[in-house]
Protein backbone atom coordinates (compact mmCIF):
# COMPACT_ATOMS: atom_id res chain seq x y z
CA MET A 1 0.00 0.00 0.00
CA ALA A 2 1.39 3.37 -1.01
CA LYS A 3 1.31 6.37 1.33
CA TYR A 4 0.33 9.79 -0.01
CA LYS A 5 1.45 12.98 1.71
CA LEU A 6 -1.37 15.53 1.77
CA LEU A 7 -0.02 19.10 1.59
CA LEU A 8 -1.71 22.34 2.61
CA PRO A 9 -2.62 23.85 -0.79
CA LYS A 10 -1.83 27.36 -1.93
CA MET A 11 -4.80 29.65 -1.29
CA GLY A 12 -3.71 32.98 -2.75
CA GLU A 13 -0.72 35.11 -3.61
CA SER A 14 -0.44 36.73 -0.19
CA VAL A 15 -1.68 33.80 1.93
CA ALA A 16 1.30 32.09 3.55
CA GLU A 17 -0.33 30.22 6.44
CA ALA A 18 -3.68 28.99 7.73
CA THR A 19 -5.20 27.88 11.03
CA VAL A 20 -6.69 24.41 11.40
CA ILE A 21 -10.30 24.78 12.55
CA ARG A 22 -11.61 21.22 12.49
CA TRP A 23 -10.74 17.79 11.15
CA THR A 24 -13.67 16.25 9.28
CA LYS A 25 -11.90 12.89 8.96
CA ARG A 26 -10.25 10.88 11.71
CA PRO A 27 -7.38 8.39 11.51
CA GLY A 28 -8.77 5.13 10.14
CA ASP A 29 -11.59 6.79 8.17
CA HIS A 30 -11.94 6.04 4.47
CA VAL A 31 -11.47 9.08 2.24
CA GLU A 32 -12.77 9.42 -1.30
CA ALA A 33 -11.23 11.75 -3.87
CA ASP A 34 -12.41 15.37 -3.39
CA ASP A 35 -13.75 14.60 0.10
CA THR A 36 -13.13 17.35 2.67
CA VAL A 37 -10.41 16.27 5.10
CA MET A 38 -10.15 19.41 7.22
CA GLU A 39 -11.46 22.96 7.56
CA ILE A 40 -8.95 25.81 7.67
CA ALA A 41 -9.12 29.55 8.22
CA THR A 42 -7.00 32.40 6.92
CA ASP A 43 -6.99 36.07 7.90
CA LYS A 44 -10.10 36.67 5.79
CA VAL A 45 -12.09 33.52 5.04
CA ASP A 46 -12.65 29.89 6.02
CA SER A 47 -12.32 27.09 3.46
CA ASP A 48 -12.07 23.31 3.09
CA VAL A 49 -9.08 21.16 2.16
CA PRO A 50 -10.11 18.26 -0.11
CA SER A 51 -8.20 15.03 -0.67
CA PRO A 52 -6.95 14.51 -4.24
CA VAL A 53 -6.76 10.72 -3.77
CA SER A 54 -8.88 7.90 -2.37
CA GLY A 55 -7.69 5.81 0.53
CA LYS A 56 -7.55 5.57 4.32
CA LEU A 57 -6.43 8.43 6.54
CA VAL A 58 -3.50 7.01 8.48
CA GLU A 59 -2.05 9.97 10.38
CA GLN A 60 -2.84 13.60 11.19
CA LEU A 61 0.31 15.71 11.40
CA CYS A 62 -1.27 18.82 12.94
CA LYS A 63 -3.88 19.52 15.58
CA GLU A 64 -6.86 21.83 15.68
CA ASN A 65 -5.98 25.52 16.19
CA ASP A 66 -2.45 24.90 14.90
CA VAL A 67 -1.01 27.42 12.42
CA VAL A 68 0.28 25.55 9.35
CA GLN A 69 2.44 26.93 6.56
CA VAL A 70 1.36 26.60 2.94
CA GLY A 71 3.01 23.55 1.38
CA ALA A 72 3.50 21.72 4.69
CA VAL A 73 2.45 18.06 5.07
CA ILE A 74 -0.79 17.89 7.06
CA ALA A 75 -1.81 14.23 6.77
CA ILE A 76 -0.79 10.79 5.47
CA ILE A 77 -3.29 8.87 3.33
CA GLU A 78 -2.79 5.20 2.50
CA THR A 79 -3.90 4.46 -1.05
CA ALA A 80 -4.63 1.16 -2.83
CA GLU A 81 -1.71 1.70 -5.21
CA PRO A 82 1.01 -0.95 -4.61
CA GLU A 83 4.16 0.40 -3.06
CA GLU A 84 6.30 -1.63 -5.49
CA ALA A 85 5.45 0.88 -8.17
CA LYS A 86 7.50 3.48 -6.35
CA ASP A 87 10.37 1.03 -5.87
CA THR A 88 10.33 0.18 -9.57
CA ALA A 89 10.67 3.81 -10.47
CA VAL A 90 13.54 4.32 -8.08
CA ALA A 91 15.34 1.00 -8.76
CA PRO A 92 17.37 2.11 -11.80
CA ALA A 93 19.24 4.65 -9.67
CA PRO A 94 21.79 2.30 -7.94
CA PRO A 95 23.49 1.05 -11.18
CA VAL A 96 25.16 4.48 -11.41
CA ALA A 97 27.95 3.13 -9.20
CA ALA A 98 28.32 -0.07 -11.24
CA PRO A 99 30.96 1.25 -13.71
CA ILE A 100 33.38 1.69 -10.80
CA HIS A 101 33.44 -2.08 -10.10
CA ALA A 102 32.75 -3.33 -13.63
CA GLU A 103 36.39 -3.43 -14.76
CA PRO A 104 38.84 -4.03 -11.93
CA ALA A 105 42.24 -2.69 -12.88
CA PRO A 106 41.44 -1.86 -16.53
CA THR A 107 44.54 -1.54 -18.80
CA PHE A 108 47.30 -3.51 -16.92
CA HIS A 109 47.58 -6.56 -14.71
CA ILE A 110 49.19 -5.80 -11.41
CA ASN A 111 51.21 -9.02 -11.29
CA GLU A 112 52.60 -8.75 -14.82
CA PRO A 113 56.34 -8.09 -15.11
CA VAL A 114 57.35 -4.71 -16.33
CA ALA A 115 60.06 -4.26 -18.99
CA GLU A 116 63.37 -2.85 -17.89
CA THR A 117 63.01 0.18 -20.14
CA GLN A 118 59.78 1.12 -18.36
CA ARG A 119 60.06 2.81 -14.98
CA PRO A 120 57.90 1.48 -12.17
CA PHE A 121 54.47 3.11 -12.07
CA PHE A 122 54.71 4.12 -8.42
CA ALA A 123 58.20 5.61 -8.70
CA SER A 124 57.12 9.23 -8.51
CA ALA A 125 54.37 11.62 -9.48
CA SER A 126 56.36 12.89 -12.47
CA ALA A 127 56.77 9.38 -13.76
CA ALA A 128 53.06 8.79 -13.47
CA ALA A 129 52.39 11.92 -15.46
CA THR A 130 54.65 10.75 -18.38
CA PRO A 131 52.91 8.06 -20.47
CA PRO A 132 55.11 4.95 -20.94
CA PRO A 133 55.88 3.67 -24.44
CA PRO A 134 53.75 0.81 -25.69
CA VAL A 135 55.34 -2.43 -24.48
CA GLU A 136 54.17 -5.93 -25.13
CA PRO A 137 54.27 -7.55 -21.70
CA GLU A 138 55.03 -11.23 -21.28
CA ARG A 139 52.01 -13.22 -20.27
CA HIS A 140 52.85 -15.66 -17.52
CA PHE A 141 49.40 -15.93 -15.97
CA PHE A 142 47.00 -15.85 -18.90
CA GLU A 143 47.09 -17.94 -22.00
CA GLU A 144 44.49 -16.09 -24.08
CA PRO A 145 45.21 -12.50 -25.09
CA GLU A 146 42.87 -9.70 -24.17
CA PRO A 147 42.99 -7.04 -26.89
CA GLU A 148 41.39 -4.32 -24.85
CA ARG A 149 44.03 -4.66 -22.16
CA GLU A 150 47.20 -5.11 -24.16
CA ILE A 151 46.74 -2.37 -26.76
CA ILE A 152 47.76 1.04 -25.51
CA GLU A 153 46.79 4.08 -27.56
CA PRO A 154 49.69 6.52 -28.01
CA GLU A 155 47.44 9.57 -27.98
CA GLU A 156 45.62 8.72 -24.77
CA PRO A 157 47.71 6.19 -22.86
CA LYS A 158 45.74 4.26 -20.32
CA GLN A 159 47.23 3.71 -16.90
CA PRO A 160 46.17 1.61 -13.96
CA VAL A 161 43.36 3.23 -12.05
CA PHE A 162 43.56 2.60 -8.36
CA ALA A 163 41.61 3.95 -5.45
CA GLU A 164 44.12 6.77 -5.06
CA GLN A 165 43.55 7.99 -8.66
CA ARG A 166 39.81 7.45 -9.20
CA GLU A 167 37.85 10.63 -9.61
CA ASP A 168 35.13 9.53 -7.22
CA VAL A 169 37.63 8.94 -4.40
CA THR A 170 39.52 11.94 -3.06
CA PRO A 171 43.09 11.03 -1.98
CA PRO A 172 44.14 12.29 1.42
CA VAL A 173 46.13 15.50 1.23
CA PRO A 174 48.49 16.29 4.11
CA TYR A 175 47.50 19.24 6.31
CA ILE A 176 44.35 19.87 4.24
CA GLU A 177 42.47 20.59 7.43
CA GLN A 178 44.66 23.67 7.93
CA LEU A 179 43.48 25.30 4.73
CA VAL A 180 40.91 28.08 5.12
CA GLN A 181 37.61 26.82 3.77
CA PRO A 182 35.01 29.37 2.63
CA GLU A 183 31.94 29.36 4.78
CA ALA A 184 28.81 28.15 3.04
CA PRO A 185 25.89 30.56 3.22
CA LYS A 186 23.37 29.66 5.85
CA ALA A 187 20.07 28.43 4.56
CA GLU A 188 18.05 30.50 6.96
CA GLU A 189 19.61 33.73 5.71
CA ALA A 190 18.65 33.09 2.09
CA PRO A 191 15.20 34.65 2.15
CA ARG A 192 16.38 37.80 3.91
CA GLY A 193 17.55 40.97 2.31
CA GLU A 194 16.08 42.95 -0.49
CA GLY A 195 14.28 39.96 -2.02
CA ARG A 196 12.48 38.88 1.16
CA PHE A 197 8.71 38.74 0.83
CA TYR A 198 6.44 40.47 3.35
CA SER A 199 2.66 40.20 3.32
CA PRO A 200 0.59 43.42 3.28
CA LEU A 201 -0.52 42.75 6.87
CA VAL A 202 3.09 42.48 8.07
CA LYS A 203 4.01 45.69 6.22
CA ASN A 204 1.10 47.57 7.80
CA ILE A 205 1.99 46.43 11.32
CA ALA A 206 5.65 47.34 10.73
CA ALA A 207 4.72 50.79 9.42
CA GLN A 208 2.44 51.36 12.41
CA GLU A 209 5.18 50.40 14.87
CA GLY A 210 7.89 52.37 13.02
CA ILE A 211 9.92 49.30 12.06
CA SER A 212 12.14 49.85 9.02
CA ASN A 213 12.82 47.32 6.27
CA ALA A 214 16.35 46.84 7.55
CA GLU A 215 15.01 45.90 10.98
CA LEU A 216 12.44 43.58 9.39
CA ASP A 217 15.21 41.73 7.58
CA LYS A 218 16.88 40.93 10.94
CA ILE A 219 13.75 39.34 12.46
CA PRO A 220 13.85 35.54 12.09
CA GLY A 221 10.79 34.08 10.40
CA THR A 222 9.05 30.76 11.05
CA GLY A 223 7.07 30.69 7.82
CA ALA A 224 7.79 28.81 4.63
CA GLU A 225 11.36 29.45 3.40
CA GLY A 226 12.02 31.71 6.38
CA ARG A 227 9.06 34.00 5.64
CA LEU A 228 8.12 36.47 8.39
CA THR A 229 4.59 35.83 9.65
CA LYS A 230 2.27 38.08 11.60
CA ASP A 231 2.89 36.13 14.83
CA ASP A 232 6.67 36.47 14.40
CA LEU A 233 6.35 40.25 14.09
CA LEU A 234 3.92 40.58 17.01
CA ASN A 235 6.21 38.49 19.25
CA TYR A 236 9.17 40.65 18.24
CA ILE A 237 7.24 43.85 19.03
CA GLU A 238 6.09 42.45 22.38
CA ASN A 239 9.66 41.59 23.45
CA ARG A 240 11.24 44.62 21.82
CA TYR A 241 11.79 46.74 24.93
CA GLN A 242 11.44 44.19 27.75
CA PRO A 243 15.15 43.44 28.40
CA ALA A 244 16.04 47.11 28.84
CA ALA A 245 13.28 47.67 31.38
CA SER A 246 13.59 44.46 33.37
CA GLU A 247 17.33 43.86 33.80
CA PRO A 248 18.18 46.86 36.04
CA ALA A 249 15.18 46.21 38.23
CA GLN A 250 16.35 42.65 38.88
CA ALA A 251 20.10 43.24 39.16
CA VAL A 252 20.19 46.17 41.61
CA PRO A 253 18.00 44.71 44.38
CA GLU A 254 20.09 41.51 44.34
CA ALA A 255 23.24 43.59 44.80
CA ILE A 256 21.74 45.27 47.84
CA LYS A 257 20.69 41.95 49.34
CA GLU A 258 24.22 40.57 49.05
CA GLU A 259 25.80 43.76 50.32
CA VAL A 260 24.06 43.88 53.72
CA THR A 261 23.71 40.71 55.80
CA TRP A 262 23.29 41.90 59.37
CA PRO A 263 23.00 38.53 61.19
CA ASP A 264 26.49 37.49 59.98
CA LEU A 265 28.30 40.67 61.04
CA ASP A 266 30.81 40.46 63.84
CA ILE A 267 30.71 44.05 65.01
CA ASP A 268 32.71 45.48 67.88
CA VAL A 269 30.52 48.13 69.49
CA SER A 270 33.57 50.03 70.74
CA ALA A 271 34.66 51.07 67.23
CA PRO A 272 32.86 52.10 64.04
CA HIS A 273 32.70 49.59 61.19
CA VAL A 274 31.45 49.36 57.63
CA VAL A 275 29.40 46.75 55.83
CA GLU A 276 30.82 43.26 55.15
CA SER A 277 32.03 43.91 51.62
CA VAL A 278 34.13 46.81 52.88
CA SER A 279 35.34 45.31 56.19
CA ALA A 280 36.61 42.23 54.39
CA GLN A 281 39.08 44.33 52.48
CA ALA A 282 40.11 46.82 55.24
CA PRO A 283 43.13 46.01 57.49
CA GLU A 284 42.38 45.25 61.12
CA THR A 285 43.44 48.22 63.27
CA ALA A 286 42.57 49.50 66.67
CA GLU A 287 40.47 52.31 65.30
CA PRO A 288 39.51 51.61 61.66
CA GLU A 289 38.40 54.55 59.62
CA PRO A 290 35.33 54.49 57.37
CA ILE A 291 36.12 53.38 53.81
CA GLU A 292 34.51 54.93 50.77
CA VAL A 293 32.50 52.56 48.57
CA ASN A 294 32.09 55.11 45.75
CA PRO A 295 33.88 58.39 45.05
CA GLU A 296 30.96 60.53 46.17
CA PRO A 297 29.18 58.86 49.11
CA VAL A 298 30.98 57.88 52.32
CA ILE A 299 29.50 55.06 54.39
CA GLU A 300 29.24 55.98 58.02
CA THR A 301 27.77 53.92 60.81
CA PRO A 302 25.82 55.64 63.58
CA GLU A 303 25.88 54.81 67.26
CA PRO A 304 25.91 51.06 67.98
CA GLU A 305 22.73 51.11 70.10
CA PRO A 306 20.30 52.18 67.33
CA VAL A 307 21.85 49.62 64.99
CA PHE A 308 20.90 46.60 67.09
CA GLU A 309 17.57 47.85 68.35
CA GLY A 310 15.98 47.13 64.94
CA PRO A 311 17.74 45.67 61.89
CA LYS A 312 16.86 48.27 59.28
CA PRO A 313 19.62 48.25 56.67
CA GLU A 314 18.13 51.07 54.67
CA ALA A 315 18.39 53.35 57.71
CA VAL A 316 22.07 52.51 58.35
CA VAL A 317 23.70 52.13 54.95
CA GLU A 318 23.68 55.07 52.60
CA THR A 319 23.78 53.82 49.03
CA PRO A 320 24.03 56.10 46.00
CA LYS A 321 20.64 57.03 44.57
CA PRO A 322 18.46 54.60 46.52
CA GLY A 323 15.22 56.09 45.14
CA PRO A 324 15.25 54.55 41.65
CA VAL A 325 16.45 51.21 43.05
CA ALA A 326 13.57 50.94 45.45
CA GLU A 327 10.98 52.04 42.89
CA ALA A 328 12.32 49.94 39.98
CA PRO A 329 10.09 46.89 40.58
CA LYS A 330 7.00 49.12 40.40
CA VAL A 331 7.80 50.13 36.81
CA THR A 332 7.04 46.64 35.50
CA ALA A 333 3.67 46.48 37.19
CA GLU A 334 0.76 46.20 34.77
CA PRO A 335 -1.66 49.12 34.65
CA PRO A 336 -4.94 48.42 36.42
CA LYS A 337 -7.67 47.20 34.10
CA ALA A 338 -11.04 48.85 33.98
CA ALA A 339 -13.48 47.14 36.27
CA THR A 340 -16.28 45.23 34.50
CA SER A 341 -19.59 45.21 36.30
CA MET A 342 -21.55 41.97 36.02
CA SER A 343 -24.63 40.72 37.77
CA GLY A 344 -25.82 37.20 38.35
CA GLY A 345 -27.94 37.13 35.19
CA ASP A 346 -25.24 38.33 32.77
CA GLU A 347 -24.01 36.00 30.05
CA ILE A 348 -20.37 35.83 28.98
CA ILE A 349 -19.96 35.10 25.25
CA GLU A 350 -16.52 34.26 23.90
CA MET A 351 -15.67 35.87 20.57
CA ASP A 352 -15.36 33.44 17.70
CA ARG A 353 -12.29 33.52 15.50
CA MET A 354 -13.78 35.74 12.79
CA ARG A 355 -15.09 38.27 15.29
CA ARG A 356 -11.64 38.52 16.90
CA LEU A 357 -10.08 39.14 13.47
CA ILE A 358 -12.64 41.84 12.69
CA ALA A 359 -12.05 43.50 16.06
CA ASP A 360 -8.28 43.52 15.63
CA HIS A 361 -8.53 44.82 12.07
CA MET A 362 -10.89 47.66 13.00
CA VAL A 363 -8.75 48.77 15.96
CA MET A 364 -5.63 48.63 13.80
CA SER A 365 -7.32 50.75 11.12
CA LYS A 366 -8.32 53.48 13.59
CA HIS A 367 -4.80 53.54 15.02
CA THR A 368 -3.25 53.66 11.55
CA SER A 369 -5.35 56.19 9.62
CA PRO A 370 -6.78 59.55 10.74
CA HIS A 371 -10.35 59.17 9.52
CA VAL A 372 -12.34 61.98 7.92
CA THR A 373 -15.90 61.52 6.59
CA SER A 374 -17.66 63.67 3.99
CA PHE A 375 -21.40 63.47 3.17
CA VAL A 376 -23.36 64.24 0.02
CA GLU A 377 -27.09 63.88 -0.65
CA ALA A 378 -27.96 62.63 -4.15
CA ASP A 379 -31.21 62.62 -6.14
CA VAL A 380 -31.33 59.14 -7.70
CA THR A 381 -34.88 59.29 -9.06
CA ASN A 382 -33.83 58.54 -12.66
CA LEU A 383 -31.73 55.58 -11.48
CA VAL A 384 -34.60 54.09 -9.44
CA LEU A 385 -37.14 54.46 -12.26
CA TRP A 386 -34.75 52.96 -14.81
CA ARG A 387 -34.10 49.88 -12.67
CA GLU A 388 -37.80 49.35 -12.07
CA LYS A 389 -38.35 49.43 -15.83
CA ILE A 390 -35.67 46.93 -16.92
CA LYS A 391 -35.26 44.52 -13.94
CA GLY A 392 -37.91 42.04 -15.14
CA ALA A 393 -36.55 41.75 -18.67
CA PHE A 394 -32.97 41.65 -17.37
CA GLU A 395 -33.68 38.73 -15.04
CA LYS A 396 -35.49 36.81 -17.78
CA ARG A 397 -32.67 37.33 -20.26
CA GLU A 398 -29.58 36.98 -18.02
CA GLY A 399 -30.94 34.78 -15.25
CA GLU A 400 -29.66 37.28 -12.66
CA LYS A 401 -31.40 39.85 -10.49
CA ILE A 402 -30.04 43.36 -10.88
CA THR A 403 -29.70 45.23 -7.57
CA PHE A 404 -28.49 48.74 -6.80
CA THR A 405 -25.02 47.51 -5.78
CA PRO A 406 -23.61 47.01 -9.32
CA LEU A 407 -25.00 50.44 -10.27
CA PHE A 408 -23.15 52.05 -7.36
CA ILE A 409 -19.96 50.14 -8.24
CA GLU A 410 -20.09 51.38 -11.82
CA ALA A 411 -20.35 55.00 -10.64
CA VAL A 412 -17.45 54.47 -8.21
CA VAL A 413 -15.24 52.95 -10.93
CA ARG A 414 -15.90 55.89 -13.28
CA SER A 415 -15.07 58.34 -10.47
CA ILE A 416 -11.81 56.53 -9.64
CA LYS A 417 -10.78 56.83 -13.28
CA ASP A 418 -11.37 60.57 -13.01
CA MET A 419 -9.51 60.87 -9.67
CA PRO A 420 -6.99 58.00 -9.41
CA MET A 421 -5.34 59.34 -6.24
CA ILE A 422 -8.24 57.83 -4.29
CA ASN A 423 -7.12 54.39 -5.45
CA VAL A 424 -3.90 54.45 -3.39
CA GLN A 425 -2.23 52.73 -0.46
CA VAL A 426 0.31 53.96 2.08
CA ASN A 427 3.61 52.18 2.72
CA GLY A 428 5.48 54.15 5.37
CA THR A 429 6.33 57.45 3.67
CA GLN A 430 5.46 56.15 0.20
CA ILE A 431 2.16 56.47 -1.67
CA ILE A 432 1.42 53.53 -3.96
CA LYS A 433 -1.04 54.33 -6.74
CA LYS A 434 -2.70 51.07 -7.71
CA LYS A 435 -3.04 50.21 -11.38
CA ASP A 436 -5.98 47.83 -10.99
CA ILE A 437 -9.35 48.94 -9.66
CA ASN A 438 -10.48 46.12 -7.35
CA ILE A 439 -13.74 46.93 -5.58
CA GLY A 440 -14.54 45.22 -2.29
CA MET A 441 -18.15 45.00 -1.15
CA ALA A 442 -18.91 44.49 2.51
CA THR A 443 -21.31 41.56 2.97
CA ALA A 444 -23.15 40.67 6.17
CA LEU A 445 -23.14 36.98 7.06
CA PRO A 446 -25.94 34.99 8.73
CA SER A 447 -23.71 34.57 11.79
CA GLY A 448 -23.68 38.35 12.28
CA ASN A 449 -20.08 38.73 11.14
CA LEU A 450 -18.84 40.70 8.14
CA ILE A 451 -16.70 39.77 5.15
CA VAL A 452 -15.47 41.78 2.15
CA PRO A 453 -15.19 39.80 -1.13
CA VAL A 454 -13.40 41.64 -3.95
CA ILE A 455 -14.36 42.15 -7.61
CA LYS A 456 -11.02 42.04 -9.43
CA ARG A 457 -10.44 44.55 -12.26
CA ALA A 458 -13.93 45.99 -11.98
CA ASP A 459 -13.06 48.66 -14.56
CA GLU A 460 -12.88 45.93 -17.24
CA LEU A 461 -16.45 44.70 -16.61
CA ASN A 462 -19.66 46.10 -18.05
CA LEU A 463 -22.89 46.36 -16.08
CA ILE A 464 -23.88 42.76 -16.85
CA GLY A 465 -20.49 41.48 -15.71
CA LEU A 466 -20.62 43.54 -12.53
CA THR A 467 -24.12 42.22 -11.75
CA LYS A 468 -23.05 38.59 -12.14
CA SER A 469 -19.91 39.14 -10.06
CA VAL A 470 -21.84 40.83 -7.25
CA ASN A 471 -24.45 38.06 -7.10
CA ASP A 472 -21.85 35.30 -7.27
CA LEU A 473 -19.62 36.69 -4.51
CA ALA A 474 -22.51 37.63 -2.24
CA GLY A 475 -24.10 34.19 -2.60
CA ARG A 476 -20.88 32.30 -1.93
CA ALA A 477 -20.06 34.58 1.01
CA ARG A 478 -23.38 33.83 2.74
CA ALA A 479 -22.99 30.12 2.01
CA GLY A 480 -19.43 30.05 3.35
CA LYS A 481 -17.99 29.00 -0.03
CA LEU A 482 -15.56 31.86 -0.63
CA ARG A 483 -11.97 31.02 -1.55
CA PRO A 484 -9.13 32.78 0.29
CA ASP A 485 -8.15 34.65 -2.88
CA ASP A 486 -11.70 36.09 -3.18
CA THR A 487 -10.99 38.51 -0.32
CA GLN A 488 -7.50 39.62 -1.36
CA GLY A 489 -6.24 42.63 -3.31
CA GLY A 490 -9.02 45.20 -2.78
CA THR A 491 -8.21 48.85 -3.50
CA PHE A 492 -11.57 50.49 -2.61
CA THR A 493 -14.56 49.28 -0.59
CA ILE A 494 -18.32 49.93 -0.70
CA THR A 495 -20.64 49.15 2.21
CA ASN A 496 -24.43 49.36 1.83
CA VAL A 497 -25.78 50.54 5.18
CA GLY A 498 -29.10 51.28 3.50
CA THR A 499 -29.87 47.56 3.52
CA PHE A 500 -30.68 47.90 7.23
CA GLY A 501 -32.65 51.16 6.84
CA ASN A 502 -29.77 53.47 7.77
CA VAL A 503 -29.59 56.77 5.90
CA MET A 504 -25.86 57.37 6.45
CA GLY A 505 -22.83 56.10 8.34
CA THR A 506 -19.17 56.70 9.16
CA PRO A 507 -17.47 53.51 7.94
CA ILE A 508 -13.98 52.44 9.03
CA ILE A 509 -11.38 52.18 6.28
CA ASN A 510 -10.50 48.65 5.21
CA GLN A 511 -6.69 48.72 5.51
CA PRO A 512 -4.44 49.08 3.59
CA GLN A 513 -6.87 51.03 1.41
CA ALA A 514 -7.33 54.80 1.62
CA ALA A 515 -11.11 55.25 1.38
CA ILE A 516 -14.48 53.51 1.84
CA LEU A 517 -17.96 54.56 0.65
CA ALA A 518 -21.18 53.98 2.59
CA VAL A 519 -24.44 54.20 0.63
CA GLY A 520 -27.57 54.93 2.66
CA ALA A 521 -31.20 53.98 2.21
CA ILE A 522 -33.14 55.51 -0.69
CA ARG A 523 -36.08 57.49 0.66
CA LYS A 524 -38.86 59.44 -1.02
CA LYS A 525 -38.64 63.05 0.10
CA PRO A 526 -39.94 66.43 -1.04
CA ALA A 527 -37.17 68.27 -2.85
CA VAL A 528 -36.70 71.41 -4.90
CA ILE A 529 -36.55 70.76 -8.64
CA GLU A 530 -34.96 73.31 -10.94
CA THR A 531 -36.73 73.62 -14.31
CA LEU A 532 -36.70 76.06 -17.22
CA GLN A 533 -39.97 77.48 -15.95
CA GLY A 534 -38.56 77.93 -12.44
CA ASP A 535 -38.16 76.04 -9.20
CA MET A 536 -40.80 73.63 -8.03
CA ILE A 537 -41.23 71.08 -5.25
CA GLY A 538 -41.60 67.43 -6.12
CA ILE A 539 -41.36 63.94 -4.57
CA ARG A 540 -37.91 62.59 -5.33
CA HIS A 541 -35.86 59.50 -4.46
CA MET A 542 -33.02 60.77 -2.27
CA MET A 543 -30.06 59.09 -0.60
CA PHE A 544 -26.90 60.02 1.33
CA LEU A 545 -23.37 59.02 0.34
CA SER A 546 -20.74 58.89 3.11
CA LEU A 547 -17.04 58.73 2.22
CA SER A 548 -14.45 58.00 4.92
CA TYR A 549 -10.86 58.58 3.79
CA ASP A 550 -7.32 58.50 5.16
CA HIS A 551 -6.32 62.11 5.87
CA ARG A 552 -2.63 61.20 5.62
CA VAL A 553 -2.92 61.03 1.83
CA VAL A 554 -6.42 62.29 0.98
CA ASP A 555 -7.31 65.87 1.87
CA GLY A 556 -10.79 67.35 2.14
CA ALA A 557 -10.70 68.80 -1.37
CA LEU A 558 -10.01 65.45 -3.00
CA GLY A 559 -12.29 63.48 -0.71
CA GLY A 560 -15.20 65.91 -1.04
CA SER A 561 -14.80 66.18 -4.82
CA PHE A 562 -14.69 62.42 -5.20
CA VAL A 563 -17.94 61.73 -3.34
CA ARG A 564 -19.57 64.61 -5.22
CA ARG A 565 -18.46 63.06 -8.53
CA ILE A 566 -20.12 59.75 -7.57
CA ALA A 567 -23.35 61.60 -6.80
CA ASP A 568 -23.21 63.36 -10.18
CA TYR A 569 -22.94 60.06 -12.06
CA LEU A 570 -25.91 58.66 -10.12
CA GLU A 571 -28.07 61.77 -10.55
CA ASN A 572 -27.37 62.02 -14.29
CA TRP A 573 -28.32 58.41 -15.01
CA ASP A 574 -29.75 57.97 -18.50
CA PRO A 575 -33.34 56.74 -18.13
CA GLY A 576 -33.31 55.41 -21.71
CA ARG A 577 -30.11 53.34 -21.31
CA GLU A 578 -30.06 49.93 -23.01
CA ILE A 579 -28.08 46.97 -21.67
């Protein structure tokens, strides 16, 4: 029975590791091809790992909640394929060494006599280098001639090949161990340097903490091929300043404890003395003088009576700068946490994995980007009436329902083409203007969590393509069928708060992007309509657009103009448009 090593498959360009959520198969279970063996989770989405072969699951090489690198072996599956097939494929390899033993001593016989005109072969190295003339040796041991051994070509004279002269055996060289050998490059240092890969999440955390690329290159990574993972960087940041703060606090109190040991002192009350470390070095005299421990302070002992009434070393020995030494342990104390009030009927709910990721990502975004939000109210009456007119025929022809989301995405894409500096990301002090326009759309899940699938190259899709992409991603997101790559690479995000009846919102930027648009609910409201005959009041379909942007790279002029441009495209929708 052959054993198949199941590897963790690649799940996207920037996905380097995954967390094991649950094993769906146990050791001893039969596995069919394409059956789900385990469920994994990345930073964005959960997915299944299928088995490419049929067989029996023999061994699980990782446990639940373990972080596994892409390409690592996660399980062993025993298949029905005979193991001899592997041996047959590998068997031809050993004959490579056969030519070494095929012809023992090719060219000459060792026991044959050598002519007097020919110098012995082992006489010297120079003699071995000079080819001997062709000589017909006398044959005392063999009756039948061997042509291949008695004919010597003048151009390429053949000589006896012994173990000392074979190419595959290196002869011992005296004092070779004293030669300086060049050090081979370490394998773990290969991925570092300018070519080392860092995921966008690692770059964002490093930029937030002020860690340069040179410092990143020095951090050892535990990922595939030495790649630096998020956990490696967080552990480095956590331990970054601990040694400097903790070592003095531990070393100084120990020095004080060793310096003063009052029960062991043999003090003569008739003469002043110093502490044990000083008295051990001072000569014994009738009246010893106080000895200085440091250049500045002088240790003096008071009257003997107060010393023995209460052993209080801090009151007797004057040490230089005792304040910081005494207060040092208090520096490492953790700040008090805010008290949480709970009653007997309260319920404690542990965050699931996705909720913890969302919480961390939102807090990181607020710490990273100074958020500014601009609002615009848009009259989308023409857009609403147009959709009502064509949605029935569109669904019958395309088999897809057309919602407002693809219409909003089309307006956003056109506005980004007009103002491409919205489609940027920040990398330290650099602004990266993205070539592709990848629109993420926030989608609420039945569990109450949130996920943002991405429409790649949305500027290359027409309205029909956008509609199909929106419906496909939203449906797979709610069914939990998204692939890890479906949530990667977004450059701008749209969130529809109007789905829940909200008229506006202040969304949090989806890092590392620079802006996010919230579209509110469409409401019928009385509004002023400008006509050629004058102003009039009418019932219009109105909505609010809210744009949150990163004030590090997007100022109010650009942010306000961009959201106004989106509203213009929506308000000027052609009611006679054909699709």
